[in-house]
PDB file of all heavy atoms in Angstrom:
ATOM      1  N   GLN A   1      62.667 -29.440 -16.347  1.00  0.00           N
ATOM      2  CA  GLN A   1      63.455 -28.279 -15.914  1.00  0.00           C
ATOM      3  C   GLN A   1      62.660 -27.421 -14.935  1.00  0.00           C
ATOM      4  O   GLN A   1      63.206 -26.938 -13.939  1.00  0.00           O
ATOM      5  CB  GLN A   1      63.864 -27.428 -17.119  1.00  0.00           C
ATOM      6  CG  GLN A   1      64.902 -28.064 -18.000  1.00  0.00           C
ATOM      7  CD  GLN A   1      65.134 -27.226 -19.241  1.00  0.00           C
ATOM      8  OE1 GLN A   1      64.210 -26.962 -19.995  1.00  0.00           O
ATOM      9  NE2 GLN A   1      66.376 -26.801 -19.432  1.00  0.00           N
ATOM     10  N   VAL A   2      61.368 -27.242 -15.234  1.00  0.00           N
ATOM     11  CA  VAL A   2      60.508 -26.464 -14.338  1.00  0.00           C
ATOM     12  C   VAL A   2      60.396 -27.164 -12.985  1.00  0.00           C
ATOM     13  O   VAL A   2      60.512 -26.530 -11.936  1.00  0.00           O
ATOM     14  CB  VAL A   2      59.109 -26.264 -14.970  1.00  0.00           C
ATOM     15  CG1 VAL A   2      58.147 -25.629 -13.974  1.00  0.00           C
ATOM     16  CG2 VAL A   2      59.212 -25.418 -16.232  1.00  0.00           C
ATOM     17  N   MET A   3      60.176 -28.476 -12.994  1.00  0.00           N
ATOM     18  CA  MET A   3      60.065 -29.236 -11.745  1.00  0.00           C
ATOM     19  C   MET A   3      61.361 -29.160 -10.945  1.00  0.00           C
ATOM     20  O   MET A   3      61.341 -28.960  -9.726  1.00  0.00           O
ATOM     21  CB  MET A   3      59.713 -30.699 -12.029  1.00  0.00           C
ATOM     22  CG  MET A   3      58.439 -30.921 -12.796  1.00  0.00           C
ATOM     23  SD  MET A   3      56.996 -30.242 -11.971  1.00  0.00           S
ATOM     24  CE  MET A   3      55.814 -30.312 -13.303  1.00  0.00           C
ATOM     25  N   ASN A   4      62.493 -29.289 -11.630  1.00  0.00           N
ATOM     26  CA  ASN A   4      63.788 -29.206 -10.934  1.00  0.00           C
ATOM     27  C   ASN A   4      64.002 -27.832 -10.309  1.00  0.00           C
ATOM     28  O   ASN A   4      64.501 -27.721  -9.191  1.00  0.00           O
ATOM     29  CB  ASN A   4      64.936 -29.519 -11.896  1.00  0.00           C
ATOM     30  CG  ASN A   4      64.991 -30.984 -12.276  1.00  0.00           C
ATOM     31  OD1 ASN A   4      64.426 -31.845 -11.609  1.00  0.00           O
ATOM     32  ND2 ASN A   4      65.657 -31.272 -13.379  1.00  0.00           N
ATOM     33  N   GLU A   5      63.611 -26.786 -11.028  1.00  0.00           N
ATOM     34  CA  GLU A   5      63.745 -25.424 -10.493  1.00  0.00           C
ATOM     35  C   GLU A   5      62.891 -25.241  -9.242  1.00  0.00           C
ATOM     36  O   GLU A   5      63.345 -24.675  -8.243  1.00  0.00           O
ATOM     37  CB  GLU A   5      63.329 -24.414 -11.565  1.00  0.00           C
ATOM     38  CG  GLU A   5      63.478 -22.984 -11.130  1.00  0.00           C
ATOM     39  CD  GLU A   5      63.048 -22.010 -12.221  1.00  0.00           C
ATOM     40  OE1 GLU A   5      63.481 -22.188 -13.375  1.00  0.00           O
ATOM     41  OE2 GLU A   5      62.270 -21.096 -11.907  1.00  0.00           O
ATOM     42  N   ILE A   6      61.662 -25.742  -9.284  1.00  0.00           N
ATOM     43  CA  ILE A   6      60.779 -25.649  -8.114  1.00  0.00           C
ATOM     44  C   ILE A   6      61.356 -26.430  -6.944  1.00  0.00           C
ATOM     45  O   ILE A   6      61.373 -25.936  -5.809  1.00  0.00           O
ATOM     46  CB  ILE A   6      59.358 -26.139  -8.472  1.00  0.00           C
ATOM     47  CG1 ILE A   6      58.683 -25.156  -9.430  1.00  0.00           C
ATOM     48  CG2 ILE A   6      58.515 -26.326  -7.203  1.00  0.00           C
ATOM     49  CD1 ILE A   6      57.378 -25.651 -10.011  1.00  0.00           C
ATOM     50  N   MET A   7      61.838 -27.647  -7.206  1.00  0.00           N
ATOM     51  CA  MET A   7      62.404 -28.461  -6.127  1.00  0.00           C
ATOM     52  C   MET A   7      63.589 -27.753  -5.477  1.00  0.00           C
ATOM     53  O   MET A   7      63.723 -27.757  -4.250  1.00  0.00           O
ATOM     54  CB  MET A   7      62.821 -29.840  -6.648  1.00  0.00           C
ATOM     55  CG  MET A   7      61.650 -30.746  -6.940  1.00  0.00           C
ATOM     56  SD  MET A   7      62.104 -32.452  -7.351  1.00  0.00           S
ATOM     57  CE  MET A   7      62.967 -32.242  -8.897  1.00  0.00           C
ATOM     58  N   GLU A   8      64.421 -27.122  -6.293  1.00  0.00           N
ATOM     59  CA  GLU A   8      65.587 -26.418  -5.757  1.00  0.00           C
ATOM     60  C   GLU A   8      65.179 -25.170  -4.968  1.00  0.00           C
ATOM     61  O   GLU A   8      65.650 -24.947  -3.849  1.00  0.00           O
ATOM     62  CB  GLU A   8      66.528 -26.021  -6.895  1.00  0.00           C
ATOM     63  CG  GLU A   8      67.794 -25.348  -6.409  1.00  0.00           C
ATOM     64  CD  GLU A   8      68.722 -25.014  -7.560  1.00  0.00           C
ATOM     65  OE1 GLU A   8      68.890 -25.861  -8.456  1.00  0.00           O
ATOM     66  OE2 GLU A   8      69.259 -23.896  -7.553  1.00  0.00           O
ATOM     67  N   GLN A   9      64.299 -24.360  -5.522  1.00  0.00           N
ATOM     68  CA  GLN A   9      63.880 -23.113  -4.883  1.00  0.00           C
ATOM     69  C   GLN A   9      63.102 -23.349  -3.591  1.00  0.00           C
ATOM     70  O   GLN A   9      63.192 -22.555  -2.657  1.00  0.00           O
ATOM     71  CB  GLN A   9      63.029 -22.278  -5.844  1.00  0.00           C
ATOM     72  CG  GLN A   9      63.785 -21.737  -7.025  1.00  0.00           C
ATOM     73  CD  GLN A   9      64.832 -20.713  -6.613  1.00  0.00           C
ATOM     74  OE1 GLN A   9      64.607 -19.878  -5.753  1.00  0.00           O
ATOM     75  NE2 GLN A   9      65.999 -20.798  -7.234  1.00  0.00           N
ATOM     76  N   CYS A  10      62.315 -24.419  -3.552  1.00  0.00           N
ATOM     77  CA  CYS A  10      61.427 -24.664  -2.402  1.00  0.00           C
ATOM     78  C   CYS A  10      61.918 -25.777  -1.488  1.00  0.00           C
ATOM     79  O   CYS A  10      61.242 -26.118  -0.516  1.00  0.00           O
ATOM     80  CB  CYS A  10      60.025 -24.981  -2.904  1.00  0.00           C
ATOM     81  SG  CYS A  10      59.304 -23.642  -3.855  1.00  0.00           S
ATOM     82  N   ASN A  11      63.079 -26.349  -1.803  1.00  0.00           N
ATOM     83  CA  ASN A  11      63.661 -27.406  -0.984  1.00  0.00           C
ATOM     84  C   ASN A  11      62.694 -28.571  -0.766  1.00  0.00           C
ATOM     85  O   ASN A  11      62.414 -28.961   0.372  1.00  0.00           O
ATOM     86  CB  ASN A  11      64.143 -26.840   0.356  1.00  0.00           C
ATOM     87  CG  ASN A  11      65.037 -27.816   1.090  1.00  0.00           C
ATOM     88  OD1 ASN A  11      65.743 -28.610   0.457  1.00  0.00           O
ATOM     89  ND2 ASN A  11      64.999 -27.770   2.409  1.00  0.00           N
ATOM     90  N   ILE A  12      62.165 -29.096  -1.871  1.00  0.00           N
ATOM     91  CA  ILE A  12      61.279 -30.251  -1.782  1.00  0.00           C
ATOM     92  C   ILE A  12      61.874 -31.411  -2.568  1.00  0.00           C
ATOM     93  O   ILE A  12      62.689 -31.222  -3.466  1.00  0.00           O
ATOM     94  CB  ILE A  12      59.847 -29.933  -2.270  1.00  0.00           C
ATOM     95  CG1 ILE A  12      59.834 -29.450  -3.712  1.00  0.00           C
ATOM     96  CG2 ILE A  12      59.184 -28.914  -1.356  1.00  0.00           C
ATOM     97  CD1 ILE A  12      58.435 -29.208  -4.261  1.00  0.00           C
ATOM     98  N   THR A  13      61.440 -32.619  -2.215  1.00  0.00           N
ATOM     99  CA  THR A  13      61.970 -33.838  -2.818  1.00  0.00           C
ATOM    100  C   THR A  13      61.220 -34.166  -4.115  1.00  0.00           C
ATOM    101  O   THR A  13      60.120 -33.646  -4.356  1.00  0.00           O
ATOM    102  CB  THR A  13      61.801 -35.023  -1.852  1.00  0.00           C
ATOM    103  OG1 THR A  13      60.405 -35.313  -1.717  1.00  0.00           O
ATOM    104  CG2 THR A  13      62.416 -34.723  -0.487  1.00  0.00           C
ATOM    105  N   PRO A  14      61.785 -35.055  -4.931  1.00  0.00           N
ATOM    106  CA  PRO A  14      61.069 -35.482  -6.136  1.00  0.00           C
ATOM    107  C   PRO A  14      59.707 -36.108  -5.826  1.00  0.00           C
ATOM    108  O   PRO A  14      58.741 -35.904  -6.566  1.00  0.00           O
ATOM    109  CB  PRO A  14      62.013 -36.511  -6.773  1.00  0.00           C
ATOM    110  CG  PRO A  14      63.374 -36.082  -6.328  1.00  0.00           C
ATOM    111  CD  PRO A  14      63.162 -35.569  -4.909  1.00  0.00           C
ATOM    112  N   LEU A  15      59.601 -36.851  -4.736  1.00  0.00           N
ATOM    113  CA  LEU A  15      58.322 -37.454  -4.352  1.00  0.00           C
ATOM    114  C   LEU A  15      57.297 -36.372  -3.995  1.00  0.00           C
ATOM    115  O   LEU A  15      56.134 -36.445  -4.389  1.00  0.00           O
ATOM    116  CB  LEU A  15      58.528 -38.412  -3.176  1.00  0.00           C
ATOM    117  CG  LEU A  15      57.357 -39.290  -2.779  1.00  0.00           C
ATOM    118  CD1 LEU A  15      56.930 -40.175  -3.939  1.00  0.00           C
ATOM    119  CD2 LEU A  15      57.741 -40.150  -1.584  1.00  0.00           C
ATOM    120  N   GLU A  16      57.738 -35.348  -3.276  1.00  0.00           N
ATOM    121  CA  GLU A  16      56.848 -34.231  -2.939  1.00  0.00           C
ATOM    122  C   GLU A  16      56.437 -33.465  -4.196  1.00  0.00           C
ATOM    123  O   GLU A  16      55.278 -33.074  -4.348  1.00  0.00           O
ATOM    124  CB  GLU A  16      57.532 -33.296  -1.942  1.00  0.00           C
ATOM    125  CG  GLU A  16      57.727 -33.931  -0.579  1.00  0.00           C
ATOM    126  CD  GLU A  16      58.677 -33.161   0.314  1.00  0.00           C
ATOM    127  OE1 GLU A  16      59.523 -32.392  -0.182  1.00  0.00           O
ATOM    128  OE2 GLU A  16      58.586 -33.335   1.540  1.00  0.00           O
ATOM    129  N   MET A  17      57.380 -33.284  -5.121  1.00  0.00           N
ATOM    130  CA  MET A  17      57.066 -32.591  -6.370  1.00  0.00           C
ATOM    131  C   MET A  17      56.079 -33.394  -7.196  1.00  0.00           C
ATOM    132  O   MET A  17      55.163 -32.837  -7.802  1.00  0.00           O
ATOM    133  CB  MET A  17      58.364 -32.357  -7.159  1.00  0.00           C
ATOM    134  CG  MET A  17      58.188 -31.501  -8.395  1.00  0.00           C
ATOM    135  SD  MET A  17      57.769 -29.793  -7.986  1.00  0.00           S
ATOM    136  CE  MET A  17      56.241 -29.618  -8.873  1.00  0.00           C
ATOM    137  N   ASP A  18      56.228 -34.704  -7.206  1.00  0.00           N
ATOM    138  CA  ASP A  18      55.301 -35.565  -7.942  1.00  0.00           C
ATOM    139  C   ASP A  18      53.889 -35.447  -7.371  1.00  0.00           C
ATOM    140  O   ASP A  18      52.912 -35.384  -8.112  1.00  0.00           O
ATOM    141  CB  ASP A  18      55.781 -37.017  -7.899  1.00  0.00           C
ATOM    142  CG  ASP A  18      55.020 -37.904  -8.850  1.00  0.00           C
ATOM    143  OD1 ASP A  18      54.808 -37.497 -10.012  1.00  0.00           O
ATOM    144  OD2 ASP A  18      54.621 -39.005  -8.436  1.00  0.00           O
ATOM    145  N   PHE A  19      53.779 -35.383  -6.046  1.00  0.00           N
ATOM    146  CA  PHE A  19      52.474 -35.204  -5.409  1.00  0.00           C
ATOM    147  C   PHE A  19      51.844 -33.878  -5.841  1.00  0.00           C
ATOM    148  O   PHE A  19      50.668 -33.824  -6.201  1.00  0.00           O
ATOM    149  CB  PHE A  19      52.615 -35.244  -3.881  1.00  0.00           C
ATOM    150  CG  PHE A  19      51.365 -34.869  -3.149  1.00  0.00           C
ATOM    151  CD1 PHE A  19      50.338 -35.787  -2.999  1.00  0.00           C
ATOM    152  CD2 PHE A  19      51.207 -33.598  -2.619  1.00  0.00           C
ATOM    153  CE1 PHE A  19      49.170 -35.446  -2.337  1.00  0.00           C
ATOM    154  CE2 PHE A  19      50.046 -33.247  -1.961  1.00  0.00           C
ATOM    155  CZ  PHE A  19      49.030 -34.171  -1.811  1.00  0.00           C
ATOM    156  N   ILE A  20      52.626 -32.798  -5.840  1.00  0.00           N
ATOM    157  CA  ILE A  20      52.103 -31.487  -6.243  1.00  0.00           C
ATOM    158  C   ILE A  20      51.700 -31.508  -7.709  1.00  0.00           C
ATOM    159  O   ILE A  20      50.657 -30.965  -8.082  1.00  0.00           O
ATOM    160  CB  ILE A  20      53.146 -30.384  -5.962  1.00  0.00           C
ATOM    161  CG1 ILE A  20      53.319 -30.209  -4.448  1.00  0.00           C
ATOM    162  CG2 ILE A  20      52.742 -29.067  -6.606  1.00  0.00           C
ATOM    163  CD1 ILE A  20      54.497 -29.356  -4.053  1.00  0.00           C
ATOM    164  N   ARG A  21      52.499 -32.144  -8.550  1.00  0.00           N
ATOM    165  CA  ARG A  21      52.171 -32.240  -9.978  1.00  0.00           C
ATOM    166  C   ARG A  21      50.860 -33.001 -10.178  1.00  0.00           C
ATOM    167  O   ARG A  21      50.006 -32.583 -10.954  1.00  0.00           O
ATOM    168  CB  ARG A  21      53.309 -32.920 -10.744  1.00  0.00           C
ATOM    169  CG  ARG A  21      53.110 -32.918 -12.257  1.00  0.00           C
ATOM    170  CD  ARG A  21      54.193 -33.709 -12.958  1.00  0.00           C
ATOM    171  NE  ARG A  21      54.309 -35.080 -12.504  1.00  0.00           N
ATOM    172  CZ  ARG A  21      53.460 -36.059 -12.830  1.00  0.00           C
ATOM    173  NH1 ARG A  21      52.430 -35.812 -13.589  1.00  0.00           N
ATOM    174  NH2 ARG A  21      53.649 -37.276 -12.385  1.00  0.00           N
ATOM    175  N   LEU A  22      50.686 -34.107  -9.468  1.00  0.00           N
ATOM    176  CA  LEU A  22      49.439 -34.868  -9.570  1.00  0.00           C
ATOM    177  C   LEU A  22      48.253 -34.053  -9.067  1.00  0.00           C
ATOM    178  O   LEU A  22      47.173 -34.081  -9.663  1.00  0.00           O
ATOM    179  CB  LEU A  22      49.543 -36.180  -8.789  1.00  0.00           C
ATOM    180  CG  LEU A  22      50.450 -37.242  -9.386  1.00  0.00           C
ATOM    181  CD1 LEU A  22      50.598 -38.415  -8.426  1.00  0.00           C
ATOM    182  CD2 LEU A  22      49.916 -37.717 -10.727  1.00  0.00           C
ATOM    183  N   LEU A  23      48.444 -33.324  -7.985  1.00  0.00           N
ATOM    184  CA  LEU A  23      47.381 -32.462  -7.471  1.00  0.00           C
ATOM    185  C   LEU A  23      47.041 -31.378  -8.489  1.00  0.00           C
ATOM    186  O   LEU A  23      45.878 -31.025  -8.674  1.00  0.00           O
ATOM    187  CB  LEU A  23      47.804 -31.849  -6.131  1.00  0.00           C
ATOM    188  CG  LEU A  23      46.716 -31.133  -5.335  1.00  0.00           C
ATOM    189  CD1 LEU A  23      45.622 -32.113  -4.931  1.00  0.00           C
ATOM    190  CD2 LEU A  23      47.314 -30.482  -4.112  1.00  0.00           C
ATOM    191  N   GLY A  24      48.046 -30.884  -9.179  1.00  0.00           N
ATOM    192  CA  GLY A  24      47.832 -29.876 -10.214  1.00  0.00           C
ATOM    193  C   GLY A  24      47.027 -30.385 -11.394  1.00  0.00           C
ATOM    194  O   GLY A  24      46.469 -29.606 -12.162  1.00  0.00           O
ATOM    195  N   CYS A  25      46.958 -31.689 -11.543  1.00  0.00           N
ATOM    196  CA  CYS A  25      46.176 -32.297 -12.630  1.00  0.00           C
ATOM    197  C   CYS A  25      44.760 -32.665 -12.177  1.00  0.00           C
ATOM    198  O   CYS A  25      43.999 -33.255 -12.945  1.00  0.00           O
ATOM    199  CB  CYS A  25      46.875 -33.545 -13.148  1.00  0.00           C
ATOM    200  SG  CYS A  25      48.461 -33.202 -13.921  1.00  0.00           S
ATOM    201  N   SER A  26      44.405 -32.325 -10.945  1.00  0.00           N
ATOM    202  CA  SER A  26      43.079 -32.672 -10.436  1.00  0.00           C
ATOM    203  C   SER A  26      42.004 -31.813 -11.091  1.00  0.00           C
ATOM    204  O   SER A  26      42.287 -30.816 -11.740  1.00  0.00           O
ATOM    205  CB  SER A  26      43.020 -32.493  -8.911  1.00  0.00           C
ATOM    206  OG  SER A  26      42.894 -31.124  -8.586  1.00  0.00           O
ATOM    207  N   ASP A  27      40.769 -32.210 -10.919  1.00  0.00           N
ATOM    208  CA  ASP A  27      39.636 -31.498 -11.511  1.00  0.00           C
ATOM    209  C   ASP A  27      39.476 -30.089 -10.968  1.00  0.00           C
ATOM    210  O   ASP A  27      38.856 -29.248 -11.606  1.00  0.00           O
ATOM    211  CB  ASP A  27      38.334 -32.267 -11.265  1.00  0.00           C
ATOM    212  CG  ASP A  27      38.282 -33.562 -12.043  1.00  0.00           C
ATOM    213  OD1 ASP A  27      39.021 -33.682 -13.046  1.00  0.00           O
ATOM    214  OD2 ASP A  27      37.515 -34.455 -11.658  1.00  0.00           O
ATOM    215  N   PHE A  28      40.001 -29.810  -9.781  1.00  0.00           N
ATOM    216  CA  PHE A  28      39.779 -28.523  -9.129  1.00  0.00           C
ATOM    217  C   PHE A  28      40.931 -27.544  -9.309  1.00  0.00           C
ATOM    218  O   PHE A  28      40.771 -26.351  -9.076  1.00  0.00           O
ATOM    219  CB  PHE A  28      39.525 -28.720  -7.632  1.00  0.00           C
ATOM    220  CG  PHE A  28      38.276 -29.495  -7.356  1.00  0.00           C
ATOM    221  CD1 PHE A  28      38.329 -30.862  -7.116  1.00  0.00           C
ATOM    222  CD2 PHE A  28      37.042 -28.875  -7.367  1.00  0.00           C
ATOM    223  CE1 PHE A  28      37.175 -31.580  -6.879  1.00  0.00           C
ATOM    224  CE2 PHE A  28      35.879 -29.595  -7.141  1.00  0.00           C
ATOM    225  CZ  PHE A  28      35.948 -30.950  -6.894  1.00  0.00           C
ATOM    226  N   ALA A  29      42.098 -28.017  -9.689  1.00  0.00           N
ATOM    227  CA  ALA A  29      43.264 -27.153  -9.806  1.00  0.00           C
ATOM    228  C   ALA A  29      43.031 -26.081 -10.860  1.00  0.00           C
ATOM    229  O   ALA A  29      42.663 -26.382 -11.990  1.00  0.00           O
ATOM    230  CB  ALA A  29      44.496 -27.975 -10.148  1.00  0.00           C
ATOM    231  N   TYR A  30      43.202 -24.849 -10.468  1.00  0.00           N
ATOM    232  CA  TYR A  30      43.075 -23.685 -11.340  1.00  0.00           C
ATOM    233  C   TYR A  30      41.670 -23.530 -11.932  1.00  0.00           C
ATOM    234  O   TYR A  30      41.474 -22.781 -12.874  1.00  0.00           O
ATOM    235  CB  TYR A  30      44.101 -23.731 -12.487  1.00  0.00           C
ATOM    236  CG  TYR A  30      45.534 -23.699 -12.028  1.00  0.00           C
ATOM    237  CD1 TYR A  30      46.298 -24.854 -12.020  1.00  0.00           C
ATOM    238  CD2 TYR A  30      46.125 -22.513 -11.608  1.00  0.00           C
ATOM    239  CE1 TYR A  30      47.625 -24.833 -11.598  1.00  0.00           C
ATOM    240  CE2 TYR A  30      47.445 -22.483 -11.192  1.00  0.00           C
ATOM    241  CZ  TYR A  30      48.190 -23.645 -11.189  1.00  0.00           C
ATOM    242  OH  TYR A  30      49.499 -23.629 -10.782  1.00  0.00           O
ATOM    243  N   GLU A  31      40.685 -24.239 -11.397  1.00  0.00           N
ATOM    244  CA  GLU A  31      39.333 -24.173 -11.961  1.00  0.00           C
ATOM    245  C   GLU A  31      38.669 -22.829 -11.711  1.00  0.00           C
ATOM    246  O   GLU A  31      37.949 -22.311 -12.555  1.00  0.00           O
ATOM    247  CB  GLU A  31      38.467 -25.291 -11.387  1.00  0.00           C
ATOM    248  CG  GLU A  31      37.079 -25.324 -11.992  1.00  0.00           C
ATOM    249  CD  GLU A  31      36.277 -26.523 -11.541  1.00  0.00           C
ATOM    250  OE1 GLU A  31      36.855 -27.542 -11.158  1.00  0.00           O
ATOM    251  OE2 GLU A  31      35.051 -26.413 -11.560  1.00  0.00           O
ATOM    252  N   TYR A  32      38.887 -22.269 -10.537  1.00  0.00           N
ATOM    253  CA  TYR A  32      38.258 -21.008 -10.175  1.00  0.00           C
ATOM    254  C   TYR A  32      39.312 -19.913 -10.118  1.00  0.00           C
ATOM    255  O   TYR A  32      40.486 -20.186  -9.872  1.00  0.00           O
ATOM    256  CB  TYR A  32      37.555 -21.129  -8.825  1.00  0.00           C
ATOM    257  CG  TYR A  32      36.597 -22.284  -8.775  1.00  0.00           C
ATOM    258  CD1 TYR A  32      36.904 -23.435  -8.068  1.00  0.00           C
ATOM    259  CD2 TYR A  32      35.391 -22.231  -9.457  1.00  0.00           C
ATOM    260  CE1 TYR A  32      36.037 -24.502  -8.039  1.00  0.00           C
ATOM    261  CE2 TYR A  32      34.516 -23.300  -9.433  1.00  0.00           C
ATOM    262  CZ  TYR A  32      34.842 -24.436  -8.724  1.00  0.00           C
ATOM    263  OH  TYR A  32      33.985 -25.485  -8.713  1.00  0.00           O
ATOM    264  N   GLU A  33      38.890 -18.689 -10.321  1.00  0.00           N
ATOM    265  CA  GLU A  33      39.823 -17.568 -10.263  1.00  0.00           C
ATOM    266  C   GLU A  33      40.534 -17.553  -8.916  1.00  0.00           C
ATOM    267  O   GLU A  33      39.918 -17.660  -7.865  1.00  0.00           O
ATOM    268  CB  GLU A  33      39.067 -16.248 -10.454  1.00  0.00           C
ATOM    269  CG  GLU A  33      39.973 -15.053 -10.511  1.00  0.00           C
ATOM    270  CD  GLU A  33      39.214 -13.763 -10.788  1.00  0.00           C
ATOM    271  OE1 GLU A  33      38.055 -13.831 -11.248  1.00  0.00           O
ATOM    272  OE2 GLU A  33      39.787 -12.711 -10.527  1.00  0.00           O
ATOM    273  N   ASP A  34      41.834 -17.461  -8.958  1.00  0.00           N
ATOM    274  CA  ASP A  34      42.690 -17.436  -7.771  1.00  0.00           C
ATOM    275  C   ASP A  34      42.636 -18.713  -6.936  1.00  0.00           C
ATOM    276  O   ASP A  34      43.026 -18.704  -5.774  1.00  0.00           O
ATOM    277  CB  ASP A  34      42.367 -16.227  -6.874  1.00  0.00           C
ATOM    278  CG  ASP A  34      42.613 -14.910  -7.588  1.00  0.00           C
ATOM    279  OD1 ASP A  34      43.569 -14.841  -8.376  1.00  0.00           O
ATOM    280  OD2 ASP A  34      41.847 -13.961  -7.346  1.00  0.00           O
ATOM    281  N   SER A  35      42.142 -19.819  -7.506  1.00  0.00           N
ATOM    282  CA  SER A  35      42.091 -21.055  -6.723  1.00  0.00           C
ATOM    283  C   SER A  35      43.446 -21.733  -6.646  1.00  0.00           C
ATOM    284  O   SER A  35      43.740 -22.432  -5.693  1.00  0.00           O
ATOM    285  CB  SER A  35      41.062 -22.027  -7.302  1.00  0.00           C
ATOM    286  OG  SER A  35      41.458 -22.477  -8.585  1.00  0.00           O
ATOM    287  N   GLY A  36      44.274 -21.545  -7.657  1.00  0.00           N
ATOM    288  CA  GLY A  36      45.594 -22.162  -7.638  1.00  0.00           C
ATOM    289  C   GLY A  36      45.523 -23.670  -7.712  1.00  0.00           C
ATOM    290  O   GLY A  36      44.626 -24.237  -8.329  1.00  0.00           O
ATOM    291  N   ILE A  37      46.470 -24.322  -7.077  1.00  0.00           N
ATOM    292  CA  ILE A  37      46.536 -25.782  -7.086  1.00  0.00           C
ATOM    293  C   ILE A  37      45.817 -26.292  -5.849  1.00  0.00           C
ATOM    294  O   ILE A  37      46.239 -26.050  -4.726  1.00  0.00           O
ATOM    295  CB  ILE A  37      47.993 -26.268  -7.086  1.00  0.00           C
ATOM    296  CG1 ILE A  37      48.729 -25.730  -8.318  1.00  0.00           C
ATOM    297  CG2 ILE A  37      48.049 -27.786  -7.061  1.00  0.00           C
ATOM    298  CD1 ILE A  37      50.218 -25.998  -8.304  1.00  0.00           C
TER     299      ILE A  37
END
């Protein structure tokens, strides 16, 4: 549901969302304050 909401709000495809989700699981995502994805 969260992924679908993001795809709708940001006009991105499921493949693009999958890439962002995978990047969000990287060793660096959210590691540092204000680093984000």
